[in-house]
């Protein structure tokens, strides 16, 4: 199923956050969302998930408006990793990850196996019995990612799957950034539609099939990474000078600035 956003508009307290945004994300595609602080990137994801009331426009996933999906069915098909996840209770890592299986009725044996697989995929298996509150920021980020992935882990649990990620690698070291982007690609290769907000433009260009650039809630550019990550567009987005070169191995755009 395709995620389809048409003429989306959003305003809060008279301030426009998103203005006439339209886009589509097909199954198996990773759409990267880039832009400066306050561009409307996080608002876009929360408008998709239904946390924010639209001023106008529509969000459809498949043949239905996403808001019309039954709550449990939607929770089995759509997973969101927010930019900030707060949890003050000393749950173990395993307990936090298991929360992602809450919407499902697949039984303890299957759910526990999925939790173990997700922990291994995000390199937190060795932390499973640790209290969540005792972890570093990067470890907490990987735990939250594992929780979100367990929610949509199996294709047979939902008619389609959508993964929404808001800065999934912000607190991670280089090695874990690569691990997370590999997992995102693995899910996309299984037919999951992925929308990922990313501040690291070079990383977004490397792992996304397409990019959309936002500024002040408006659509500035959209296309393949090499079409969007250009010096004129970056200047327009960020009011900053930057050089764009091709990665020597992948050919994807790499942004140099300083």
C-alpha atoms as a PDB file:
ATOM      1  CA  UNK A   1       0.000   0.000   0.000  1.00  0.00           C
ATOM      2  CA  UNK A   2       1.168   3.505  -0.825  1.00  0.00           C
ATOM      3  CA  UNK A   3       1.220   6.393   1.651  1.00  0.00           C
ATOM      4  CA  UNK A   4      -0.426   9.299  -0.127  1.00  0.00           C
ATOM      5  CA  UNK A   5      -0.513  12.851   1.244  1.00  0.00           C
ATOM      6  CA  UNK A   6      -2.592  15.392  -0.631  1.00  0.00           C
ATOM      7  CA  UNK A   7      -2.632  19.172  -0.132  1.00  0.00           C
ATOM      8  CA  UNK A   8      -1.801  18.863   3.546  1.00  0.00           C
ATOM      9  CA  UNK A   9      -2.071  22.031   5.562  1.00  0.00           C
ATOM     10  CA  UNK A  10      -1.472  22.483   9.274  1.00  0.00           C
ATOM     11  CA  UNK A  11      -1.615  25.538  11.522  1.00  0.00           C
ATOM     12  CA  UNK A  12      -1.404  25.966  15.286  1.00  0.00           C
ATOM     13  CA  UNK A  13      -2.472  29.167  17.043  1.00  0.00           C
ATOM     14  CA  UNK A  14      -2.716  30.921  13.691  1.00  0.00           C
ATOM     15  CA  UNK A  15       0.834  29.988  12.680  1.00  0.00           C
ATOM     16  CA  UNK A  16       1.185  27.917   9.541  1.00  0.00           C
ATOM     17  CA  UNK A  17       3.381  24.830  10.080  1.00  0.00           C
ATOM     18  CA  UNK A  18       2.736  23.059   6.781  1.00  0.00           C
ATOM     19  CA  UNK A  19       1.398  24.604   3.606  1.00  0.00           C
ATOM     20  CA  UNK A  20      -0.090  22.485   0.812  1.00  0.00           C
ATOM     21  CA  UNK A  21       2.262  19.487   1.071  1.00  0.00           C
ATOM     22  CA  UNK A  22       1.693  16.567  -1.298  1.00  0.00           C
ATOM     23  CA  UNK A  23       3.805  13.430  -1.605  1.00  0.00           C
ATOM     24  CA  UNK A  24       3.665   9.668  -2.016  1.00  0.00           C
ATOM     25  CA  UNK A  25       5.747   6.870  -0.551  1.00  0.00           C
ATOM     26  CA  UNK A  26       5.468   3.455  -2.181  1.00  0.00           C
ATOM     27  CA  UNK A  27       5.959   0.101  -0.446  1.00  0.00           C
ATOM     28  CA  UNK A  28       9.674  -0.650  -0.307  1.00  0.00           C
ATOM     29  CA  UNK A  29      10.678   3.011  -0.634  1.00  0.00           C
ATOM     30  CA  UNK A  30      12.629   5.183   1.805  1.00  0.00           C
ATOM     31  CA  UNK A  31      11.689   8.857   1.647  1.00  0.00           C
ATOM     32  CA  UNK A  32      14.118  11.155   3.448  1.00  0.00           C
ATOM     33  CA  UNK A  33      12.846  14.499   4.765  1.00  0.00           C
ATOM     34  CA  UNK A  34      15.426  17.260   5.103  1.00  0.00           C
ATOM     35  CA  UNK A  35      15.352  20.942   5.953  1.00  0.00           C
ATOM     36  CA  UNK A  36      16.399  23.482   8.593  1.00  0.00           C
ATOM     37  CA  UNK A  37      15.148  23.681  12.159  1.00  0.00           C
ATOM     38  CA  UNK A  38      11.497  24.688  12.231  1.00  0.00           C
ATOM     39  CA  UNK A  39      10.897  23.654   8.627  1.00  0.00           C
ATOM     40  CA  UNK A  40       7.910  21.458   9.527  1.00  0.00           C
ATOM     41  CA  UNK A  41       9.594  18.051   9.303  1.00  0.00           C
ATOM     42  CA  UNK A  42       8.409  16.727  12.668  1.00  0.00           C
ATOM     43  CA  UNK A  43       4.994  18.311  12.166  1.00  0.00           C
ATOM     44  CA  UNK A  44       4.692  16.383   8.905  1.00  0.00           C
ATOM     45  CA  UNK A  45       5.270  13.026  10.577  1.00  0.00           C
ATOM     46  CA  UNK A  46       2.892  13.794  13.438  1.00  0.00           C
ATOM     47  CA  UNK A  47       0.259  14.953  10.953  1.00  0.00           C
ATOM     48  CA  UNK A  48       0.620  11.636   9.141  1.00  0.00           C
ATOM     49  CA  UNK A  49       0.216   9.606  12.334  1.00  0.00           C
ATOM     50  CA  UNK A  50      -2.823  11.670  13.363  1.00  0.00           C
ATOM     51  CA  UNK A  51      -1.382  13.390  16.422  1.00  0.00           C
ATOM     52  CA  UNK A  52      -2.105  16.799  14.882  1.00  0.00           C
ATOM     53  CA  UNK A  53      -5.409  17.937  13.397  1.00  0.00           C
ATOM     54  CA  UNK A  54      -5.123  18.934   9.747  1.00  0.00           C
ATOM     55  CA  UNK A  55      -6.309  22.327   8.589  1.00  0.00           C
ATOM     56  CA  UNK A  56      -6.948  20.801   5.180  1.00  0.00           C
ATOM     57  CA  UNK A  57      -5.809  17.895   3.021  1.00  0.00           C
ATOM     58  CA  UNK A  58      -5.799  14.142   3.483  1.00  0.00           C
ATOM     59  CA  UNK A  59      -3.461  11.321   4.462  1.00  0.00           C
ATOM     60  CA  UNK A  60      -4.273   7.948   2.908  1.00  0.00           C
ATOM     61  CA  UNK A  61      -2.556   4.623   3.402  1.00  0.00           C
ATOM     62  CA  UNK A  62      -3.805   2.277   0.741  1.00  0.00           C
ATOM     63  CA  UNK A  63      -7.458   2.809  -0.158  1.00  0.00           C
ATOM     64  CA  UNK A  64      -8.506   4.426   3.121  1.00  0.00           C
ATOM     65  CA  UNK A  65      -7.716   7.662   4.918  1.00  0.00           C
ATOM     66  CA  UNK A  66      -5.281   6.608   7.624  1.00  0.00           C
ATOM     67  CA  UNK A  67      -7.560   8.172  10.246  1.00  0.00           C
ATOM     68  CA  UNK A  68     -10.327   5.736   9.219  1.00  0.00           C
ATOM     69  CA  UNK A  69      -8.263   2.613   9.893  1.00  0.00           C
ATOM     70  CA  UNK A  70      -9.495   0.710  12.980  1.00  0.00           C
ATOM     71  CA  UNK A  71      -7.228   1.659  15.893  1.00  0.00           C
ATOM     72  CA  UNK A  72      -5.795  -1.818  16.492  1.00  0.00           C
ATOM     73  CA  UNK A  73      -5.245  -2.493  12.801  1.00  0.00           C
ATOM     74  CA  UNK A  74      -3.481   0.848  12.413  1.00  0.00           C
ATOM     75  CA  UNK A  75      -1.278   0.146  15.451  1.00  0.00           C
ATOM     76  CA  UNK A  76      -0.206  -3.149  13.864  1.00  0.00           C
ATOM     77  CA  UNK A  77       0.641  -1.467  10.550  1.00  0.00           C
ATOM     78  CA  UNK A  78       2.079   1.969  11.411  1.00  0.00           C
ATOM     79  CA  UNK A  79       5.002   2.597  13.771  1.00  0.00           C
ATOM     80  CA  UNK A  80       6.501   5.929  14.816  1.00  0.00           C
ATOM     81  CA  UNK A  81       9.864   6.633  16.407  1.00  0.00           C
ATOM     82  CA  UNK A  82       9.556  10.202  17.743  1.00  0.00           C
ATOM     83  CA  UNK A  83      12.494  12.543  18.079  1.00  0.00           C
ATOM     84  CA  UNK A  84      12.302  12.334  21.873  1.00  0.00           C
ATOM     85  CA  UNK A  85      11.044   9.341  23.880  1.00  0.00           C
ATOM     86  CA  UNK A  86      10.681   9.852  27.620  1.00  0.00           C
ATOM     87  CA  UNK A  87      10.317   6.991  30.079  1.00  0.00           C
ATOM     88  CA  UNK A  88      10.984   7.494  33.759  1.00  0.00           C
ATOM     89  CA  UNK A  89      10.106   4.026  35.034  1.00  0.00           C
ATOM     90  CA  UNK A  90      12.886   1.488  35.639  1.00  0.00           C
ATOM     91  CA  UNK A  91      11.543  -1.082  33.181  1.00  0.00           C
ATOM     92  CA  UNK A  92      14.124  -3.477  31.860  1.00  0.00           C
ATOM     93  CA  UNK A  93      15.223  -3.035  28.277  1.00  0.00           C
ATOM     94  CA  UNK A  94      13.385  -6.231  27.363  1.00  0.00           C
ATOM     95  CA  UNK A  95      10.158  -4.911  28.874  1.00  0.00           C
ATOM     96  CA  UNK A  96      10.422  -1.663  26.934  1.00  0.00           C
ATOM     97  CA  UNK A  97      11.045  -3.449  23.633  1.00  0.00           C
ATOM     98  CA  UNK A  98       8.151  -5.840  24.330  1.00  0.00           C
ATOM     99  CA  UNK A  99       5.760  -2.860  24.462  1.00  0.00           C
ATOM    100  CA  UNK A 100       5.900  -2.771  20.677  1.00  0.00           C
ATOM    101  CA  UNK A 101       4.033  -6.076  20.522  1.00  0.00           C
ATOM    102  CA  UNK A 102       1.118  -4.674  22.545  1.00  0.00           C
ATOM    103  CA  UNK A 103      -1.310  -4.263  19.594  1.00  0.00           C
ATOM    104  CA  UNK A 104      -0.758  -7.832  18.406  1.00  0.00           C
ATOM    105  CA  UNK A 105      -2.365 -11.089  19.489  1.00  0.00           C
ATOM    106  CA  UNK A 106       0.382 -13.397  18.304  1.00  0.00           C
ATOM    107  CA  UNK A 107       1.099 -15.109  21.612  1.00  0.00           C
ATOM    108  CA  UNK A 108       3.966 -15.014  24.073  1.00  0.00           C
ATOM    109  CA  UNK A 109       6.243 -17.439  22.216  1.00  0.00           C
ATOM    110  CA  UNK A 110       6.191 -15.478  18.961  1.00  0.00           C
ATOM    111  CA  UNK A 111       6.401 -12.110  20.708  1.00  0.00           C
ATOM    112  CA  UNK A 112       9.406 -13.134  22.802  1.00  0.00           C
ATOM    113  CA  UNK A 113      11.205 -14.407  19.689  1.00  0.00           C
ATOM    114  CA  UNK A 114      10.520 -11.102  17.919  1.00  0.00           C
ATOM    115  CA  UNK A 115      11.819  -9.141  20.903  1.00  0.00           C
ATOM    116  CA  UNK A 116      15.045 -11.163  20.845  1.00  0.00           C
ATOM    117  CA  UNK A 117      15.441 -10.632  17.093  1.00  0.00           C
ATOM    118  CA  UNK A 118      14.834  -6.880  17.370  1.00  0.00           C
ATOM    119  CA  UNK A 119      17.307  -6.586  20.248  1.00  0.00           C
ATOM    120  CA  UNK A 120      19.946  -8.371  18.189  1.00  0.00           C
ATOM    121  CA  UNK A 121      19.206  -6.218  15.139  1.00  0.00           C
ATOM    122  CA  UNK A 122      19.755  -3.009  17.119  1.00  0.00           C
ATOM    123  CA  UNK A 123      22.753  -4.280  19.136  1.00  0.00           C
ATOM    124  CA  UNK A 124      21.058  -4.179  22.536  1.00  0.00           C
ATOM    125  CA  UNK A 125      20.839  -7.927  23.253  1.00  0.00           C
ATOM    126  CA  UNK A 126      23.482  -7.561  25.960  1.00  0.00           C
ATOM    127  CA  UNK A 127      21.358  -4.872  27.647  1.00  0.00           C
ATOM    128  CA  UNK A 128      18.080  -6.793  27.870  1.00  0.00           C
ATOM    129  CA  UNK A 129      18.033  -7.101  31.662  1.00  0.00           C
ATOM    130  CA  UNK A 130      19.398  -3.609  32.364  1.00  0.00           C
ATOM    131  CA  UNK A 131      17.033  -0.927  33.712  1.00  0.00           C
ATOM    132  CA  UNK A 132      16.166   1.447  30.885  1.00  0.00           C
ATOM    133  CA  UNK A 133      16.786   4.462  33.124  1.00  0.00           C
ATOM    134  CA  UNK A 134      20.447   3.424  33.593  1.00  0.00           C
ATOM    135  CA  UNK A 135      21.295   3.569  29.876  1.00  0.00           C
ATOM    136  CA  UNK A 136      23.179   6.193  27.899  1.00  0.00           C
ATOM    137  CA  UNK A 137      21.360   8.388  25.401  1.00  0.00           C
ATOM    138  CA  UNK A 138      22.507   6.326  22.437  1.00  0.00           C
ATOM    139  CA  UNK A 139      21.520   3.068  24.123  1.00  0.00           C
ATOM    140  CA  UNK A 140      18.068   4.447  24.923  1.00  0.00           C
ATOM    141  CA  UNK A 141      17.676   5.491  21.297  1.00  0.00           C
ATOM    142  CA  UNK A 142      18.414   1.961  20.104  1.00  0.00           C
ATOM    143  CA  UNK A 143      16.002   0.491  22.651  1.00  0.00           C
ATOM    144  CA  UNK A 144      13.233   2.779  21.418  1.00  0.00           C
ATOM    145  CA  UNK A 145      14.039   1.856  17.828  1.00  0.00           C
ATOM    146  CA  UNK A 146      13.842  -1.844  18.709  1.00  0.00           C
ATOM    147  CA  UNK A 147      10.456  -1.229  20.356  1.00  0.00           C
ATOM    148  CA  UNK A 148       9.160   0.485  17.227  1.00  0.00           C
ATOM    149  CA  UNK A 149      10.493  -2.220  14.914  1.00  0.00           C
ATOM    150  CA  UNK A 150       8.824  -5.013  16.913  1.00  0.00           C
ATOM    151  CA  UNK A 151       5.518  -3.269  16.263  1.00  0.00           C
ATOM    152  CA  UNK A 152       5.778  -3.969  12.505  1.00  0.00           C
ATOM    153  CA  UNK A 153       8.300  -6.817  12.554  1.00  0.00           C
ATOM    154  CA  UNK A 154       6.327  -9.385  10.547  1.00  0.00           C
ATOM    155  CA  UNK A 155       4.614  -8.889   7.193  1.00  0.00           C
ATOM    156  CA  UNK A 156       1.929 -11.415   8.139  1.00  0.00           C
ATOM    157  CA  UNK A 157       0.737  -9.256  11.046  1.00  0.00           C
ATOM    158  CA  UNK A 158      -0.624  -6.409   8.880  1.00  0.00           C
ATOM    159  CA  UNK A 159      -1.919  -5.832   5.324  1.00  0.00           C
ATOM    160  CA  UNK A 160       0.811  -3.207   4.834  1.00  0.00           C
ATOM    161  CA  UNK A 161       3.459  -1.533   6.957  1.00  0.00           C
ATOM    162  CA  UNK A 162       4.582   2.063   7.391  1.00  0.00           C
ATOM    163  CA  UNK A 163       7.623   3.156   9.409  1.00  0.00           C
ATOM    164  CA  UNK A 164       7.990   6.802  10.478  1.00  0.00           C
ATOM    165  CA  UNK A 165      11.353   7.823  11.916  1.00  0.00           C
ATOM    166  CA  UNK A 166      12.221  11.228  13.357  1.00  0.00           C
ATOM    167  CA  UNK A 167      16.012  11.565  13.651  1.00  0.00           C
ATOM    168  CA  UNK A 168      16.651   7.866  14.361  1.00  0.00           C
ATOM    169  CA  UNK A 169      20.466   8.200  14.503  1.00  0.00           C
ATOM    170  CA  UNK A 170      20.812  11.577  16.238  1.00  0.00           C
ATOM    171  CA  UNK A 171      22.420  10.189  19.420  1.00  0.00           C
ATOM    172  CA  UNK A 172      24.354   7.341  17.825  1.00  0.00           C
ATOM    173  CA  UNK A 173      28.015   6.792  17.053  1.00  0.00           C
ATOM    174  CA  UNK A 174      29.149   6.080  13.491  1.00  0.00           C
ATOM    175  CA  UNK A 175      28.999   2.313  13.838  1.00  0.00           C
ATOM    176  CA  UNK A 176      25.464   2.332  15.195  1.00  0.00           C
ATOM    177  CA  UNK A 177      24.386   4.885  12.592  1.00  0.00           C
ATOM    178  CA  UNK A 178      25.426   2.395   9.931  1.00  0.00           C
ATOM    179  CA  UNK A 179      23.677  -0.435  11.771  1.00  0.00           C
ATOM    180  CA  UNK A 180      20.415   1.513  11.981  1.00  0.00           C
ATOM    181  CA  UNK A 181      20.461   2.576   8.337  1.00  0.00           C
ATOM    182  CA  UNK A 182      21.044  -1.069   7.340  1.00  0.00           C
ATOM    183  CA  UNK A 183      17.996  -2.102   9.364  1.00  0.00           C
ATOM    184  CA  UNK A 184      15.908   0.648   7.760  1.00  0.00           C
ATOM    185  CA  UNK A 185      16.928  -0.596   4.329  1.00  0.00           C
ATOM    186  CA  UNK A 186      16.179  -4.188   5.344  1.00  0.00           C
ATOM    187  CA  UNK A 187      12.637  -3.241   6.301  1.00  0.00           C
ATOM    188  CA  UNK A 188      12.181  -1.306   3.069  1.00  0.00           C
ATOM    189  CA  UNK A 189      13.395  -4.329   1.114  1.00  0.00           C
ATOM    190  CA  UNK A 190      10.598  -6.307   2.799  1.00  0.00           C
ATOM    191  CA  UNK A 191       8.004  -3.903   1.382  1.00  0.00           C
ATOM    192  CA  UNK A 192       7.738  -1.412   4.252  1.00  0.00           C
ATOM    193  CA  UNK A 193       7.150   2.218   3.265  1.00  0.00           C
ATOM    194  CA  UNK A 194       9.570   4.397   5.248  1.00  0.00           C
ATOM    195  CA  UNK A 195       9.571   8.136   5.967  1.00  0.00           C
ATOM    196  CA  UNK A 196      12.730   9.283   7.749  1.00  0.00           C
ATOM    197  CA  UNK A 197      13.635  12.759   8.988  1.00  0.00           C
ATOM    198  CA  UNK A 198      17.379  13.281   8.936  1.00  0.00           C
ATOM    199  CA  UNK A 199      19.567  16.286   9.747  1.00  0.00           C
ATOM    200  CA  UNK A 200      22.722  14.658   8.381  1.00  0.00           C
ATOM    201  CA  UNK A 201      22.201  15.423   4.694  1.00  0.00           C
ATOM    202  CA  UNK A 202      24.991  13.132   3.503  1.00  0.00           C
ATOM    203  CA  UNK A 203      23.536  10.234   5.478  1.00  0.00           C
ATOM    204  CA  UNK A 204      20.036  10.982   4.201  1.00  0.00           C
ATOM    205  CA  UNK A 205      21.348  11.005   0.635  1.00  0.00           C
ATOM    206  CA  UNK A 206      23.066   7.671   1.163  1.00  0.00           C
ATOM    207  CA  UNK A 207      20.124   5.728   2.605  1.00  0.00           C
ATOM    208  CA  UNK A 208      17.036   7.316   0.995  1.00  0.00           C
ATOM    209  CA  UNK A 209      15.602   6.514  -2.416  1.00  0.00           C
ATOM    210  CA  UNK A 210      14.096   9.990  -2.653  1.00  0.00           C
ATOM    211  CA  UNK A 211      14.369  13.198  -0.660  1.00  0.00           C
ATOM    212  CA  UNK A 212      11.889  15.960   0.010  1.00  0.00           C
ATOM    213  CA  UNK A 213      13.206  19.318   1.217  1.00  0.00           C
ATOM    214  CA  UNK A 214      11.066  21.584   3.392  1.00  0.00           C
ATOM    215  CA  UNK A 215      11.537  25.156   4.531  1.00  0.00           C
ATOM    216  CA  UNK A 216       9.011  27.218   6.501  1.00  0.00           C
ATOM    217  CA  UNK A 217       6.449  24.468   6.023  1.00  0.00           C
ATOM    218  CA  UNK A 218       6.696  24.579   2.255  1.00  0.00           C
ATOM    219  CA  UNK A 219       7.890  22.098  -0.329  1.00  0.00           C
ATOM    220  CA  UNK A 220      11.192  23.349  -1.769  1.00  0.00           C
ATOM    221  CA  UNK A 221      12.480  20.353  -3.739  1.00  0.00           C
ATOM    222  CA  UNK A 222      11.857  16.649  -4.259  1.00  0.00           C
ATOM    223  CA  UNK A 223      13.607  13.918  -6.219  1.00  0.00           C
ATOM    224  CA  UNK A 224      16.522  11.537  -6.168  1.00  0.00           C
ATOM    225  CA  UNK A 225      19.263  12.504  -3.692  1.00  0.00           C
ATOM    226  CA  UNK A 226      21.546  13.834  -6.425  1.00  0.00           C
ATOM    227  CA  UNK A 227      18.719  16.080  -7.654  1.00  0.00           C
ATOM    228  CA  UNK A 228      17.959  17.546  -4.223  1.00  0.00           C
ATOM    229  CA  UNK A 229      21.377  17.709  -2.567  1.00  0.00           C
ATOM    230  CA  UNK A 230      22.867  20.469  -4.677  1.00  0.00           C
ATOM    231  CA  UNK A 231      24.699  23.597  -3.627  1.00  0.00           C
ATOM    232  CA  UNK A 232      21.933  25.998  -4.804  1.00  0.00           C
ATOM    233  CA  UNK A 233      19.207  24.041  -2.986  1.00  0.00           C
ATOM    234  CA  UNK A 234      21.271  23.769   0.212  1.00  0.00           C
ATOM    235  CA  UNK A 235      21.895  27.496   0.088  1.00  0.00           C
ATOM    236  CA  UNK A 236      18.159  28.099  -0.293  1.00  0.00           C
ATOM    237  CA  UNK A 237      17.316  25.731   2.548  1.00  0.00           C
ATOM    238  CA  UNK A 238      19.921  26.675   5.121  1.00  0.00           C
ATOM    239  CA  UNK A 239      21.224  30.119   4.103  1.00  0.00           C
ATOM    240  CA  UNK A 240      24.662  28.525   4.236  1.00  0.00           C
ATOM    241  CA  UNK A 241      27.468  27.862   1.799  1.00  0.00           C
ATOM    242  CA  UNK A 242      28.373  24.228   1.306  1.00  0.00           C
ATOM    243  CA  UNK A 243      30.187  22.098  -1.214  1.00  0.00           C
ATOM    244  CA  UNK A 244      28.645  18.941  -2.604  1.00  0.00           C
ATOM    245  CA  UNK A 245      30.887  16.154  -3.876  1.00  0.00           C
ATOM    246  CA  UNK A 246      30.214  12.563  -4.913  1.00  0.00           C
ATOM    247  CA  UNK A 247      31.065   9.758  -2.493  1.00  0.00           C
ATOM    248  CA  UNK A 248      34.032   7.855  -3.971  1.00  0.00           C
ATOM    249  CA  UNK A 249      32.359   4.448  -3.456  1.00  0.00           C
ATOM    250  CA  UNK A 250      28.614   5.000  -3.766  1.00  0.00           C
ATOM    251  CA  UNK A 251      28.453   8.134  -5.912  1.00  0.00           C
ATOM    252  CA  UNK A 252      25.859   9.631  -3.556  1.00  0.00           C
ATOM    253  CA  UNK A 253      26.124  13.332  -2.615  1.00  0.00           C
ATOM    254  CA  UNK A 254      28.337  14.260   0.331  1.00  0.00           C
ATOM    255  CA  UNK A 255      28.013  17.712   1.905  1.00  0.00           C
ATOM    256  CA  UNK A 256      31.133  19.570   3.020  1.00  0.00           C
ATOM    257  CA  UNK A 257      30.804  22.676   5.111  1.00  0.00           C
ATOM    258  CA  UNK A 258      32.776  24.531   7.704  1.00  0.00           C
END
